[in-house]
Each structure stands twice: as C-alpha cells, then as structure tokens.
Amino acid sequence: MLYVHLVFAISALLMGGAVLCLAKGSARHRLMGRGWMVLMAGTAISSFWLSGLWEDHRFSPVHLLSVWVLVCIVVAVRAARAGQIKLHRRFVLGSYLGLLGAGAATLLPGRLFHTFFFA
C-alpha cells in the first residue's frame, strides 16, 4: 500500500503544481483540478493503510492530516460550485501546501525516505 500511496502523492504533487499554473476557471483548469482532487483523495485514503509514526499504534496524529484533506476537498468543490472562488482558492492552496509539508516531513530523521535518501 505504500507504493499506491506514493504514486497518488507524487502524482498529486506534480498535477497540483500544473493546475496552479493554469489560467483559473479555464476548462483545462477545471478538468485537471478534478483529477487533482481524485489524486488527493487517493493519497489521503491510502494513508489509512499505513502504520502511524508510533509503532504500537495503528494511527498517529499524521493521519489527522488525511482527514483534514478529505474535508478540504469537499469544501473546495462546494465552494467552486457555489462561485465562492476565494474560499475555493484558500482550501485548495492550503491542501497543496499541506501536501508539500507532508512530503518534506518524510525526509526527517527516522522516517523511511530519510533512510532511503541519506543513509
């Protein structure tokens, strides 16, 4: 499941960056934005099959981020459909920055990617 999670997360990182660079409100922005939302949902949902930071527990506080991402997706989609573009923008940008932060956190000492890249 780690590989599924990584494929979703890396794809969301790349597509999210592309969506942010597109003309807002264009057909391409809306289509790719929908794809990005699916990738973010896949990233969040797949994280629940990964063990938490605490070895003795299934979940850790990091999983709260996954719950928050799912909330952000719902709010962002509803806001866009209601024409509340500022609200939509805040939740989408916040979700993307959270994705960047979560990715950066995987490089901290003791985490799998830190070991993979720096050990």
PDB file of N, CA and C in Angstrom:
ATOM      1  N   MET A   1       0.830  -1.198   0.000  1.00  0.00           N
ATOM      2  CA  MET A   1       0.000   0.000   0.000  1.00  0.00           C
ATOM      3  C   MET A   1       0.872   1.257   0.000  1.00  0.00           C
ATOM      4  N   LEU A   2       2.095   1.128   0.489  1.00  0.00           N
ATOM      5  CA  LEU A   2       2.999   2.279   0.482  1.00  0.00           C
ATOM      6  C   LEU A   2       3.221   2.780  -0.940  1.00  0.00           C
ATOM      7  N   TYR A   3       3.384   1.868  -1.881  1.00  0.00           N
ATOM      8  CA  TYR A   3       3.626   2.277  -3.261  1.00  0.00           C
ATOM      9  C   TYR A   3       2.396   2.954  -3.864  1.00  0.00           C
ATOM     10  N   VAL A   4       1.224   2.462  -3.549  1.00  0.00           N
ATOM     11  CA  VAL A   4      -0.017   3.102  -4.023  1.00  0.00           C
ATOM     12  C   VAL A   4      -0.081   4.527  -3.481  1.00  0.00           C
ATOM     13  N   HIS A   5       0.192   4.669  -2.191  1.00  0.00           N
ATOM     14  CA  HIS A   5       0.183   5.981  -1.550  1.00  0.00           C
ATOM     15  C   HIS A   5       1.202   6.914  -2.216  1.00  0.00           C
ATOM     16  N   LEU A   6       2.377   6.412  -2.480  1.00  0.00           N
ATOM     17  CA  LEU A   6       3.417   7.229  -3.113  1.00  0.00           C
ATOM     18  C   LEU A   6       3.030   7.649  -4.529  1.00  0.00           C
ATOM     19  N   VAL A   7       2.440   6.752  -5.279  1.00  0.00           N
ATOM     20  CA  VAL A   7       2.016   7.101  -6.644  1.00  0.00           C
ATOM     21  C   VAL A   7       0.964   8.206  -6.593  1.00  0.00           C
ATOM     22  N   PHE A   8      -0.010   8.056  -5.696  1.00  0.00           N
ATOM     23  CA  PHE A   8      -1.025   9.106  -5.549  1.00  0.00           C
ATOM     24  C   PHE A   8      -0.379  10.427  -5.130  1.00  0.00           C
ATOM     25  N   ALA A   9       0.478  10.381  -4.119  1.00  0.00           N
ATOM     26  CA  ALA A   9       1.059  11.608  -3.571  1.00  0.00           C
ATOM     27  C   ALA A   9       1.960  12.323  -4.576  1.00  0.00           C
ATOM     28  N   ILE A  10       2.826  11.586  -5.235  1.00  0.00           N
ATOM     29  CA  ILE A  10       3.739  12.208  -6.204  1.00  0.00           C
ATOM     30  C   ILE A  10       2.952  12.743  -7.409  1.00  0.00           C
ATOM     31  N   SER A  11       1.953  11.992  -7.843  1.00  0.00           N
ATOM     32  CA  SER A  11       1.106  12.454  -8.947  1.00  0.00           C
ATOM     33  C   SER A  11       0.349  13.719  -8.545  1.00  0.00           C
ATOM     34  N   ALA A  12      -0.161  13.749  -7.316  1.00  0.00           N
ATOM     35  CA  ALA A  12      -0.887  14.929  -6.829  1.00  0.00           C
ATOM     36  C   ALA A  12       0.051  16.124  -6.725  1.00  0.00           C
ATOM     37  N   LEU A  13       1.265  15.884  -6.315  1.00  0.00           N
ATOM     38  CA  LEU A  13       2.249  16.960  -6.215  1.00  0.00           C
ATOM     39  C   LEU A  13       2.511  17.575  -7.595  1.00  0.00           C
ATOM     40  N   LEU A  14       2.727  16.735  -8.576  1.00  0.00           N
ATOM     41  CA  LEU A  14       3.014  17.215  -9.931  1.00  0.00           C
ATOM     42  C   LEU A  14       1.792  17.865 -10.587  1.00  0.00           C
ATOM     43  N   MET A  15       0.653  17.186 -10.505  1.00  0.00           N
ATOM     44  CA  MET A  15      -0.535  17.735 -11.138  1.00  0.00           C
ATOM     45  C   MET A  15      -1.002  19.008 -10.431  1.00  0.00           C
ATOM     46  N   GLY A  16      -0.894  19.035  -9.115  1.00  0.00           N
ATOM     47  CA  GLY A  16      -1.289  20.229  -8.376  1.00  0.00           C
ATOM     48  C   GLY A  16      -0.476  21.438  -8.778  1.00  0.00           C
ATOM     49  N   GLY A  17       0.823  21.248  -8.960  1.00  0.00           N
ATOM     50  CA  GLY A  17       1.667  22.339  -9.422  1.00  0.00           C
ATOM     51  C   GLY A  17       1.249  22.830 -10.793  1.00  0.00           C
ATOM     52  N   ALA A  18       0.892  21.888 -11.660  1.00  0.00           N
ATOM     53  CA  ALA A  18       0.449  22.257 -13.008  1.00  0.00           C
ATOM     54  C   ALA A  18      -0.877  23.011 -12.960  1.00  0.00           C
ATOM     55  N   VAL A  19      -1.804  22.555 -12.140  1.00  0.00           N
ATOM     56  CA  VAL A  19      -3.114  23.203 -12.039  1.00  0.00           C
ATOM     57  C   VAL A  19      -2.954  24.629 -11.524  1.00  0.00           C
ATOM     58  N   LEU A  20      -2.068  24.813 -10.569  1.00  0.00           N
ATOM     59  CA  LEU A  20      -1.852  26.155 -10.024  1.00  0.00           C
ATOM     60  C   LEU A  20      -1.286  27.115 -11.069  1.00  0.00           C
ATOM     61  N   CYS A  21      -0.621  26.586 -12.080  1.00  0.00           N
ATOM     62  CA  CYS A  21      -0.038  27.428 -13.130  1.00  0.00           C
ATOM     63  C   CYS A  21      -1.012  27.728 -14.270  1.00  0.00           C
ATOM     64  N   LEU A  22      -2.100  27.006 -14.340  1.00  0.00           N
ATOM     65  CA  LEU A  22      -3.070  27.200 -15.429  1.00  0.00           C
ATOM     66  C   LEU A  22      -3.929  28.433 -15.193  1.00  0.00           C
ATOM     67  N   ALA A  23      -4.514  28.927 -16.272  1.00  0.00           N
ATOM     68  CA  ALA A  23      -5.465  30.035 -16.167  1.00  0.00           C
ATOM     69  C   ALA A  23      -6.656  29.575 -15.339  1.00  0.00           C
ATOM     70  N   LYS A  24      -6.953  30.310 -14.289  1.00  0.00           N
ATOM     71  CA  LYS A  24      -8.018  29.924 -13.373  1.00  0.00           C
ATOM     72  C   LYS A  24      -9.375  29.987 -14.066  1.00  0.00           C
ATOM     73  N   GLY A  25     -10.165  28.946 -13.849  1.00  0.00           N
ATOM     74  CA  GLY A  25     -11.507  28.893 -14.409  1.00  0.00           C
ATOM     75  C   GLY A  25     -11.586  28.336 -15.812  1.00  0.00           C
ATOM     76  N   SER A  26     -10.431  28.097 -16.437  1.00  0.00           N
ATOM     77  CA  SER A  26     -10.453  27.544 -17.798  1.00  0.00           C
ATOM     78  C   SER A  26     -10.922  26.093 -17.759  1.00  0.00           C
ATOM     79  N   ALA A  27     -11.315  25.583 -18.909  1.00  0.00           N
ATOM     80  CA  ALA A  27     -11.761  24.189 -18.992  1.00  0.00           C
ATOM     81  C   ALA A  27     -10.643  23.240 -18.563  1.00  0.00           C
ATOM     82  N   ARG A  28      -9.425  23.548 -18.968  1.00  0.00           N
ATOM     83  CA  ARG A  28      -8.279  22.701 -18.597  1.00  0.00           C
ATOM     84  C   ARG A  28      -8.046  22.749 -17.078  1.00  0.00           C
ATOM     85  N   HIS A  29      -8.171  23.931 -16.490  1.00  0.00           N
ATOM     86  CA  HIS A  29      -8.009  24.078 -15.038  1.00  0.00           C
ATOM     87  C   HIS A  29      -9.062  23.235 -14.301  1.00  0.00           C
ATOM     88  N   ARG A  30     -10.292  23.300 -14.754  1.00  0.00           N
ATOM     89  CA  ARG A  30     -11.366  22.544 -14.100  1.00  0.00           C
ATOM     90  C   ARG A  30     -11.158  21.041 -14.255  1.00  0.00           C
ATOM     91  N   LEU A  31     -10.782  20.601 -15.448  1.00  0.00           N
ATOM     92  CA  LEU A  31     -10.577  19.170 -15.688  1.00  0.00           C
ATOM     93  C   LEU A  31      -9.396  18.642 -14.874  1.00  0.00           C
ATOM     94  N   MET A  32      -8.279  19.327 -14.955  1.00  0.00           N
ATOM     95  CA  MET A  32      -7.103  18.876 -14.208  1.00  0.00           C
ATOM     96  C   MET A  32      -7.323  19.035 -12.700  1.00  0.00           C
ATOM     97  N   GLY A  33      -8.090  20.048 -12.317  1.00  0.00           N
ATOM     98  CA  GLY A  33      -8.415  20.233 -10.902  1.00  0.00           C
ATOM     99  C   GLY A  33      -9.213  19.064 -10.356  1.00  0.00           C
ATOM    100  N   ARG A  34     -10.135  18.568 -11.149  1.00  0.00           N
ATOM    101  CA  ARG A  34     -10.902  17.380 -10.734  1.00  0.00           C
ATOM    102  C   ARG A  34      -9.967  16.176 -10.566  1.00  0.00           C
ATOM    103  N   GLY A  35      -9.059  16.020 -11.522  1.00  0.00           N
ATOM    104  CA  GLY A  35      -8.084  14.931 -11.414  1.00  0.00           C
ATOM    105  C   GLY A  35      -7.222  15.077 -10.178  1.00  0.00           C
ATOM    106  N   TRP A  36      -6.832  16.318  -9.881  1.00  0.00           N
ATOM    107  CA  TRP A  36      -6.006  16.558  -8.698  1.00  0.00           C
ATOM    108  C   TRP A  36      -6.772  16.209  -7.425  1.00  0.00           C
ATOM    109  N   MET A  37      -8.060  16.541  -7.392  1.00  0.00           N
ATOM    110  CA  MET A  37      -8.880  16.210  -6.217  1.00  0.00           C
ATOM    111  C   MET A  37      -8.950  14.693  -6.022  1.00  0.00           C
ATOM    112  N   VAL A  38      -9.085  13.961  -7.108  1.00  0.00           N
ATOM    113  CA  VAL A  38      -9.112  12.495  -7.025  1.00  0.00           C
ATOM    114  C   VAL A  38      -7.772  11.975  -6.493  1.00  0.00           C
ATOM    115  N   LEU A  39      -6.678  12.533  -6.991  1.00  0.00           N
ATOM    116  CA  LEU A  39      -5.354  12.109  -6.516  1.00  0.00           C
ATOM    117  C   LEU A  39      -5.163  12.436  -5.038  1.00  0.00           C
ATOM    118  N   MET A  40      -5.630  13.604  -4.615  1.00  0.00           N
ATOM    119  CA  MET A  40      -5.521  13.977  -3.198  1.00  0.00           C
ATOM    120  C   MET A  40      -6.368  13.049  -2.329  1.00  0.00           C
ATOM    121  N   ALA A  41      -7.569  12.723  -2.799  1.00  0.00           N
ATOM    122  CA  ALA A  41      -8.412  11.790  -2.051  1.00  0.00           C
ATOM    123  C   ALA A  41      -7.738  10.419  -1.973  1.00  0.00           C
ATOM    124  N   GLY A  42      -7.162   9.972  -3.074  1.00  0.00           N
ATOM    125  CA  GLY A  42      -6.441   8.696  -3.063  1.00  0.00           C
ATOM    126  C   GLY A  42      -5.257   8.714  -2.119  1.00  0.00           C
ATOM    127  N   THR A  43      -4.552   9.832  -2.077  1.00  0.00           N
ATOM    128  CA  THR A  43      -3.421   9.967  -1.159  1.00  0.00           C
ATOM    129  C   THR A  43      -3.902   9.875   0.281  1.00  0.00           C
ATOM    130  N   ALA A  44      -4.957  10.616   0.594  1.00  0.00           N
ATOM    131  CA  ALA A  44      -5.475  10.634   1.965  1.00  0.00           C
ATOM    132  C   ALA A  44      -6.022   9.261   2.366  1.00  0.00           C
ATOM    133  N   ILE A  45      -6.829   8.673   1.515  1.00  0.00           N
ATOM    134  CA  ILE A  45      -7.456   7.390   1.860  1.00  0.00           C
ATOM    135  C   ILE A  45      -6.417   6.285   1.966  1.00  0.00           C
ATOM    136  N   SER A  46      -5.450   6.260   1.067  1.00  0.00           N
ATOM    137  CA  SER A  46      -4.428   5.206   1.123  1.00  0.00           C
ATOM    138  C   SER A  46      -3.564   5.315   2.375  1.00  0.00           C
ATOM    139  N   SER A  47      -3.467   6.501   2.960  1.00  0.00           N
ATOM    140  CA  SER A  47      -2.644   6.663   4.159  1.00  0.00           C
ATOM    141  C   SER A  47      -3.193   5.882   5.347  1.00  0.00           C
ATOM    142  N   PHE A  48      -4.485   5.592   5.342  1.00  0.00           N
ATOM    143  CA  PHE A  48      -5.075   4.879   6.471  1.00  0.00           C
ATOM    144  C   PHE A  48      -4.635   3.415   6.535  1.00  0.00           C
ATOM    145  N   TRP A  49      -4.018   2.913   5.473  1.00  0.00           N
ATOM    146  CA  TRP A  49      -3.486   1.553   5.486  1.00  0.00           C
ATOM    147  C   TRP A  49      -2.008   1.532   5.864  1.00  0.00           C
ATOM    148  N   LEU A  50      -1.436   2.698   6.093  1.00  0.00           N
ATOM    149  CA  LEU A  50      -0.038   2.780   6.509  1.00  0.00           C
ATOM    150  C   LEU A  50       0.008   2.948   8.011  1.00  0.00           C
ATOM    151  N   SER A  51       0.998   2.338   8.643  1.00  0.00           N
ATOM    152  CA  SER A  51       1.100   2.463  10.097  1.00  0.00           C
ATOM    153  C   SER A  51       1.536   3.869  10.463  1.00  0.00           C
ATOM    154  N   GLY A  52       1.178   4.262  11.640  1.00  0.00           N
ATOM    155  CA  GLY A  52       1.494   5.600  12.109  1.00  0.00           C
ATOM    156  C   GLY A  52       2.947   5.744  12.513  1.00  0.00           C
ATOM    157  N   LEU A  53       3.267   6.920  12.987  1.00  0.00           N
ATOM    158  CA  LEU A  53       4.617   7.192  13.451  1.00  0.00           C
ATOM    159  C   LEU A  53       4.938   6.405  14.711  1.00  0.00           C
ATOM    160  N   TRP A  54       3.915   6.074  15.467  1.00  0.00           N
ATOM    161  CA  TRP A  54       4.105   5.320  16.702  1.00  0.00           C
ATOM    162  C   TRP A  54       3.963   3.845  16.383  1.00  0.00           C
ATOM    163  N   GLU A  55       4.984   3.073  16.682  1.00  0.00           N
ATOM    164  CA  GLU A  55       4.996   1.663  16.306  1.00  0.00           C
ATOM    165  C   GLU A  55       3.889   0.853  16.973  1.00  0.00           C
ATOM    166  N   ASP A  56       3.485   1.250  18.183  1.00  0.00           N
ATOM    167  CA  ASP A  56       2.488   0.478  18.922  1.00  0.00           C
ATOM    168  C   ASP A  56       1.053   0.836  18.545  1.00  0.00           C
ATOM    169  N   HIS A  57       0.877   1.814  17.662  1.00  0.00           N
ATOM    170  CA  HIS A  57      -0.461   2.280  17.327  1.00  0.00           C
ATOM    171  C   HIS A  57      -0.678   2.250  15.810  1.00  0.00           C
ATOM    172  N   ARG A  58      -1.882   1.966  15.426  1.00  0.00           N
ATOM    173  CA  ARG A  58      -2.241   1.926  14.001  1.00  0.00           C
ATOM    174  C   ARG A  58      -2.217   3.325  13.389  1.00  0.00           C
ATOM    175  N   PHE A  59      -2.744   4.292  14.137  1.00  0.00           N
ATOM    176  CA  PHE A  59      -2.827   5.656  13.633  1.00  0.00           C
ATOM    177  C   PHE A  59      -1.996   6.593  14.489  1.00  0.00           C
ATOM    178  N   SER A  60      -1.605   7.699  13.901  1.00  0.00           N
ATOM    179  CA  SER A  60      -0.850   8.723  14.617  1.00  0.00           C
ATOM    180  C   SER A  60      -1.453  10.083  14.269  1.00  0.00           C
ATOM    181  N   PRO A  61      -0.977  11.126  14.899  1.00  0.00           N
ATOM    182  CA  PRO A  61      -1.508  12.462  14.575  1.00  0.00           C
ATOM    183  C   PRO A  61      -1.370  12.829  13.092  1.00  0.00           C
ATOM    184  N   VAL A  62      -0.429  12.222  12.397  1.00  0.00           N
ATOM    185  CA  VAL A  62      -0.259  12.488  10.970  1.00  0.00           C
ATOM    186  C   VAL A  62      -1.540  12.130  10.202  1.00  0.00           C
ATOM    187  N   HIS A  63      -2.256  11.128  10.677  1.00  0.00           N
ATOM    188  CA  HIS A  63      -3.484  10.709   9.996  1.00  0.00           C
ATOM    189  C   HIS A  63      -4.585  11.763  10.097  1.00  0.00           C
ATOM    190  N   LEU A  64      -4.471  12.659  11.061  1.00  0.00           N
ATOM    191  CA  LEU A  64      -5.430  13.767  11.130  1.00  0.00           C
ATOM    192  C   LEU A  64      -5.318  14.645   9.889  1.00  0.00           C
ATOM    193  N   LEU A  65      -4.119  14.743   9.341  1.00  0.00           N
ATOM    194  CA  LEU A  65      -3.926  15.492   8.101  1.00  0.00           C
ATOM    195  C   LEU A  65      -4.733  14.859   6.967  1.00  0.00           C
ATOM    196  N   SER A  66      -4.788  13.544   6.936  1.00  0.00           N
ATOM    197  CA  SER A  66      -5.553  12.852   5.895  1.00  0.00           C
ATOM    198  C   SER A  66      -7.041  13.151   6.030  1.00  0.00           C
ATOM    199  N   VAL A  67      -7.539  13.153   7.257  1.00  0.00           N
ATOM    200  CA  VAL A  67      -8.943  13.504   7.487  1.00  0.00           C
ATOM    201  C   VAL A  67      -9.182  14.942   7.042  1.00  0.00           C
ATOM    202  N   TRP A  68      -8.252  15.833   7.406  1.00  0.00           N
ATOM    203  CA  TRP A  68      -8.392  17.235   7.038  1.00  0.00           C
ATOM    204  C   TRP A  68      -8.391  17.419   5.516  1.00  0.00           C
ATOM    205  N   VAL A  69      -7.565  16.675   4.805  1.00  0.00           N
ATOM    206  CA  VAL A  69      -7.523  16.764   3.343  1.00  0.00           C
ATOM    207  C   VAL A  69      -8.883  16.384   2.752  1.00  0.00           C
ATOM    208  N   LEU A  70      -9.497  15.351   3.285  1.00  0.00           N
ATOM    209  CA  LEU A  70     -10.813  14.954   2.784  1.00  0.00           C
ATOM    210  C   LEU A  70     -11.850  16.046   3.030  1.00  0.00           C
ATOM    211  N   VAL A  71     -11.780  16.700   4.173  1.00  0.00           N
ATOM    212  CA  VAL A  71     -12.669  17.826   4.464  1.00  0.00           C
ATOM    213  C   VAL A  71     -12.398  18.963   3.475  1.00  0.00           C
ATOM    214  N   CYS A  72     -11.125  19.257   3.249  1.00  0.00           N
ATOM    215  CA  CYS A  72     -10.745  20.336   2.330  1.00  0.00           C
ATOM    216  C   CYS A  72     -11.259  20.092   0.926  1.00  0.00           C
ATOM    217  N   ILE A  73     -11.214  18.866   0.477  1.00  0.00           N
ATOM    218  CA  ILE A  73     -11.705  18.532  -0.860  1.00  0.00           C
ATOM    219  C   ILE A  73     -13.190  18.852  -0.974  1.00  0.00           C
ATOM    220  N   VAL A  74     -13.957  18.432   0.017  1.00  0.00           N
ATOM    221  CA  VAL A  74     -15.403  18.690  -0.007  1.00  0.00           C
ATOM    222  C   VAL A  74     -15.678  20.191   0.008  1.00  0.00           C
ATOM    223  N   VAL A  75     -15.005  20.914   0.894  1.00  0.00           N
ATOM    224  CA  VAL A  75     -15.222  22.361   0.989  1.00  0.00           C
ATOM    225  C   VAL A  75     -14.813  23.057  -0.310  1.00  0.00           C
ATOM    226  N   ALA A  76     -13.668  22.679  -0.856  1.00  0.00           N
ATOM    227  CA  ALA A  76     -13.171  23.319  -2.080  1.00  0.00           C
ATOM    228  C   ALA A  76     -14.107  23.093  -3.261  1.00  0.00           C
ATOM    229  N   VAL A  77     -14.609  21.883  -3.409  1.00  0.00           N
ATOM    230  CA  VAL A  77     -15.519  21.583  -4.521  1.00  0.00           C
ATOM    231  C   VAL A  77     -16.829  22.343  -4.344  1.00  0.00           C
ATOM    232  N   ARG A  78     -17.376  22.309  -3.147  1.00  0.00           N
ATOM    233  CA  ARG A  78     -18.638  23.026  -2.905  1.00  0.00           C
ATOM    234  C   ARG A  78     -18.467  24.528  -3.121  1.00  0.00           C
ATOM    235  N   ALA A  79     -17.343  25.064  -2.669  1.00  0.00           N
ATOM    236  CA  ALA A  79     -17.097  26.497  -2.833  1.00  0.00           C
ATOM    237  C   ALA A  79     -17.007  26.860  -4.309  1.00  0.00           C
ATOM    238  N   ALA A  80     -16.306  26.055  -5.100  1.00  0.00           N
ATOM    239  CA  ALA A  80     -16.181  26.336  -6.535  1.00  0.00           C
ATOM    240  C   ALA A  80     -17.542  26.291  -7.207  1.00  0.00           C
ATOM    241  N   ARG A  81     -18.335  25.293  -6.868  1.00  0.00           N
ATOM    242  CA  ARG A  81     -19.665  25.162  -7.482  1.00  0.00           C
ATOM    243  C   ARG A  81     -20.591  26.314  -7.090  1.00  0.00           C
ATOM    244  N   ALA A  82     -20.369  26.860  -5.886  1.00  0.00           N
ATOM    245  CA  ALA A  82     -21.201  27.965  -5.405  1.00  0.00           C
ATOM    246  C   ALA A  82     -20.665  29.327  -5.841  1.00  0.00           C
ATOM    247  N   GLY A  83     -19.552  29.318  -6.565  1.00  0.00           N
ATOM    248  CA  GLY A  83     -18.957  30.574  -7.018  1.00  0.00           C
ATOM    249  C   GLY A  83     -18.173  31.302  -5.949  1.00  0.00           C
ATOM    250  N   GLN A  84     -17.875  30.621  -4.851  1.00  0.00           N
ATOM    251  CA  GLN A  84     -17.083  31.211  -3.765  1.00  0.00           C
ATOM    252  C   GLN A  84     -15.604  30.932  -4.039  1.00  0.00           C
ATOM    253  N   ILE A  85     -15.076  31.654  -4.997  1.00  0.00           N
ATOM    254  CA  ILE A  85     -13.746  31.368  -5.520  1.00  0.00           C
ATOM    255  C   ILE A  85     -12.650  31.622  -4.486  1.00  0.00           C
ATOM    256  N   LYS A  86     -12.786  32.667  -3.672  1.00  0.00           N
ATOM    257  CA  LYS A  86     -11.760  32.920  -2.647  1.00  0.00           C
ATOM    258  C   LYS A  86     -11.684  31.767  -1.644  1.00  0.00           C
ATOM    259  N   LEU A  87     -12.829  31.260  -1.227  1.00  0.00           N
ATOM    260  CA  LEU A  87     -12.857  30.124  -0.312  1.00  0.00           C
ATOM    261  C   LEU A  87     -12.260  28.890  -0.987  1.00  0.00           C
ATOM    262  N   HIS A  88     -12.656  28.659  -2.239  1.00  0.00           N
ATOM    263  CA  HIS A  88     -12.119  27.540  -3.016  1.00  0.00           C
ATOM    264  C   HIS A  88     -10.593  27.643  -3.088  1.00  0.00           C
ATOM    265  N   ARG A  89     -10.098  28.812  -3.431  1.00  0.00           N
ATOM    266  CA  ARG A  89      -8.658  29.027  -3.580  1.00  0.00           C
ATOM    267  C   ARG A  89      -7.917  28.753  -2.264  1.00  0.00           C
ATOM    268  N   ARG A  90      -8.471  29.245  -1.154  1.00  0.00           N
ATOM    269  CA  ARG A  90      -7.809  29.051   0.147  1.00  0.00           C
ATOM    270  C   ARG A  90      -7.696  27.576   0.507  1.00  0.00           C
ATOM    271  N   PHE A  91      -8.771  26.827   0.297  1.00  0.00           N
ATOM    272  CA  PHE A  91      -8.741  25.408   0.678  1.00  0.00           C
ATOM    273  C   PHE A  91      -7.869  24.587  -0.266  1.00  0.00           C
ATOM    274  N   VAL A  92      -7.879  24.914  -1.542  1.00  0.00           N
ATOM    275  CA  VAL A  92      -7.032  24.187  -2.496  1.00  0.00           C
ATOM    276  C   VAL A  92      -5.558  24.499  -2.236  1.00  0.00           C
ATOM    277  N   LEU A  93      -5.246  25.771  -2.095  1.00  0.00           N
ATOM    278  CA  LEU A  93      -3.854  26.144  -1.855  1.00  0.00           C
ATOM    279  C   LEU A  93      -3.369  25.578  -0.524  1.00  0.00           C
ATOM    280  N   GLY A  94      -4.214  25.632   0.490  1.00  0.00           N
ATOM    281  CA  GLY A  94      -3.850  25.051   1.785  1.00  0.00           C
ATOM    282  C   GLY A  94      -3.592  23.559   1.685  1.00  0.00           C
ATOM    283  N   SER A  95      -4.424  22.869   0.916  1.00  0.00           N
ATOM    284  CA  SER A  95      -4.233  21.422   0.727  1.00  0.00           C
ATOM    285  C   SER A  95      -2.924  21.135   0.005  1.00  0.00           C
ATOM    286  N   TYR A  96      -2.618  21.945  -0.998  1.00  0.00           N
ATOM    287  CA  TYR A  96      -1.375  21.736  -1.743  1.00  0.00           C
ATOM    288  C   TYR A  96      -0.160  22.011  -0.857  1.00  0.00           C
ATOM    289  N   LEU A  97      -0.223  23.068  -0.077  1.00  0.00           N
ATOM    290  CA  LEU A  97       0.888  23.363   0.855  1.00  0.00           C
ATOM    291  C   LEU A  97       1.013  22.266   1.903  1.00  0.00           C
ATOM    292  N   GLY A  98      -0.113  21.715   2.345  1.00  0.00           N
ATOM    293  CA  GLY A  98      -0.071  20.583   3.272  1.00  0.00           C
ATOM    294  C   GLY A  98       0.584  19.364   2.647  1.00  0.00           C
ATOM    295  N   LEU A  99       0.310  19.141   1.371  1.00  0.00           N
ATOM    296  CA  LEU A  99       0.949  18.038   0.646  1.00  0.00           C
ATOM    297  C   LEU A  99       2.461  18.245   0.595  1.00  0.00           C
ATOM    298  N   LEU A 100       2.877  19.468   0.305  1.00  0.00           N
ATOM    299  CA  LEU A 100       4.308  19.778   0.295  1.00  0.00           C
ATOM    300  C   LEU A 100       4.926  19.555   1.675  1.00  0.00           C
ATOM    301  N   GLY A 101       4.222  20.008   2.712  1.00  0.00           N
ATOM    302  CA  GLY A 101       4.716  19.838   4.080  1.00  0.00           C
ATOM    303  C   GLY A 101       4.814  18.378   4.479  1.00  0.00           C
ATOM    304  N   ALA A 102       3.798  17.608   4.130  1.00  0.00           N
ATOM    305  CA  ALA A 102       3.817  16.176   4.447  1.00  0.00           C
ATOM    306  C   ALA A 102       4.962  15.483   3.710  1.00  0.00           C
ATOM    307  N   GLY A 103       5.177  15.874   2.462  1.00  0.00           N
ATOM    308  CA  GLY A 103       6.295  15.302   1.707  1.00  0.00           C
ATOM    309  C   GLY A 103       7.629  15.655   2.327  1.00  0.00           C
ATOM    310  N   ALA A 104       7.769  16.900   2.758  1.00  0.00           N
ATOM    311  CA  ALA A 104       9.017  17.318   3.403  1.00  0.00           C
ATOM    312  C   ALA A 104       9.222  16.559   4.718  1.00  0.00           C
ATOM    313  N   ALA A 105       8.136  16.290   5.430  1.00  0.00           N
ATOM    314  CA  ALA A 105       8.245  15.583   6.708  1.00  0.00           C
ATOM    315  C   ALA A 105       8.733  14.149   6.535  1.00  0.00           C
ATOM    316  N   THR A 106       8.539  13.576   5.349  1.00  0.00           N
ATOM    317  CA  THR A 106       9.019  12.207   5.124  1.00  0.00           C
ATOM    318  C   THR A 106      10.546  12.148   5.062  1.00  0.00           C
ATOM    319  N   LEU A 107      11.175  13.320   4.943  1.00  0.00           N
ATOM    320  CA  LEU A 107      12.637  13.371   4.882  1.00  0.00           C
ATOM    321  C   LEU A 107      13.280  13.560   6.250  1.00  0.00           C
ATOM    322  N   LEU A 108      12.466  13.654   7.310  1.00  0.00           N
ATOM    323  CA  LEU A 108      13.009  13.834   8.655  1.00  0.00           C
ATOM    324  C   LEU A 108      13.718  12.567   9.127  1.00  0.00           C
ATOM    325  N   PRO A 109      14.728  12.706   9.982  1.00  0.00           N
ATOM    326  CA  PRO A 109      15.424  11.531  10.515  1.00  0.00           C
ATOM    327  C   PRO A 109      14.453  10.545  11.167  1.00  0.00           C
ATOM    328  N   GLY A 110      14.687   9.275  10.906  1.00  0.00           N
ATOM    329  CA  GLY A 110      13.837   8.228  11.436  1.00  0.00           C
ATOM    330  C   GLY A 110      12.700   7.836  10.506  1.00  0.00           C
ATOM    331  N   ARG A 111      12.450   8.622   9.471  1.00  0.00           N
ATOM    332  CA  ARG A 111      11.395   8.303   8.515  1.00  0.00           C
ATOM    333  C   ARG A 111      12.001   7.502   7.363  1.00  0.00           C
ATOM    334  N   LEU A 112      11.161   6.776   6.655  1.00  0.00           N
ATOM    335  CA  LEU A 112      11.603   5.864   5.609  1.00  0.00           C
ATOM    336  C   LEU A 112      12.398   6.567   4.514  1.00  0.00           C
ATOM    337  N   PHE A 113      11.905   7.708   4.026  1.00  0.00           N
ATOM    338  CA  PHE A 113      12.619   8.389   2.946  1.00  0.00           C
ATOM    339  C   PHE A 113      13.952   8.958   3.402  1.00  0.00           C
ATOM    340  N   HIS A 114      14.048   9.383   4.644  1.00  0.00           N
ATOM    341  CA  HIS A 114      15.328   9.859   5.158  1.00  0.00           C
ATOM    342  C   HIS A 114      16.354   8.726   5.076  1.00  0.00           C
ATOM    343  N   THR A 115      15.938   7.548   5.513  1.00  0.00           N
ATOM    344  CA  THR A 115      16.815   6.385   5.460  1.00  0.00           C
ATOM    345  C   THR A 115      17.182   6.046   4.022  1.00  0.00           C
ATOM    346  N   PHE A 116      16.184   6.094   3.136  1.00  0.00           N
ATOM    347  CA  PHE A 116      16.405   5.747   1.734  1.00  0.00           C
ATOM    348  C   PHE A 116      17.370   6.721   1.060  1.00  0.00           C
ATOM    349  N   PHE A 117      17.191   8.029   1.285  1.00  0.00           N
ATOM    350  CA  PHE A 117      17.995   9.025   0.583  1.00  0.00           C
ATOM    351  C   PHE A 117      19.307   9.375   1.267  1.00  0.00           C
ATOM    352  N   PHE A 118      19.356   9.281   2.581  1.00  0.00           N
ATOM    353  CA  PHE A 118      20.512   9.812   3.298  1.00  0.00           C
ATOM    354  C   PHE A 118      21.324   8.768   4.066  1.00  0.00           C
ATOM    355  N   ALA A 119      20.872   7.532   4.106  1.00  0.00           N
ATOM    356  CA  ALA A 119      21.621   6.524   4.868  1.00  0.00           C
ATOM    357  C   ALA A 119      22.473   5.672   3.952  1.00  0.00           C
TER     358      ALA A 119
END
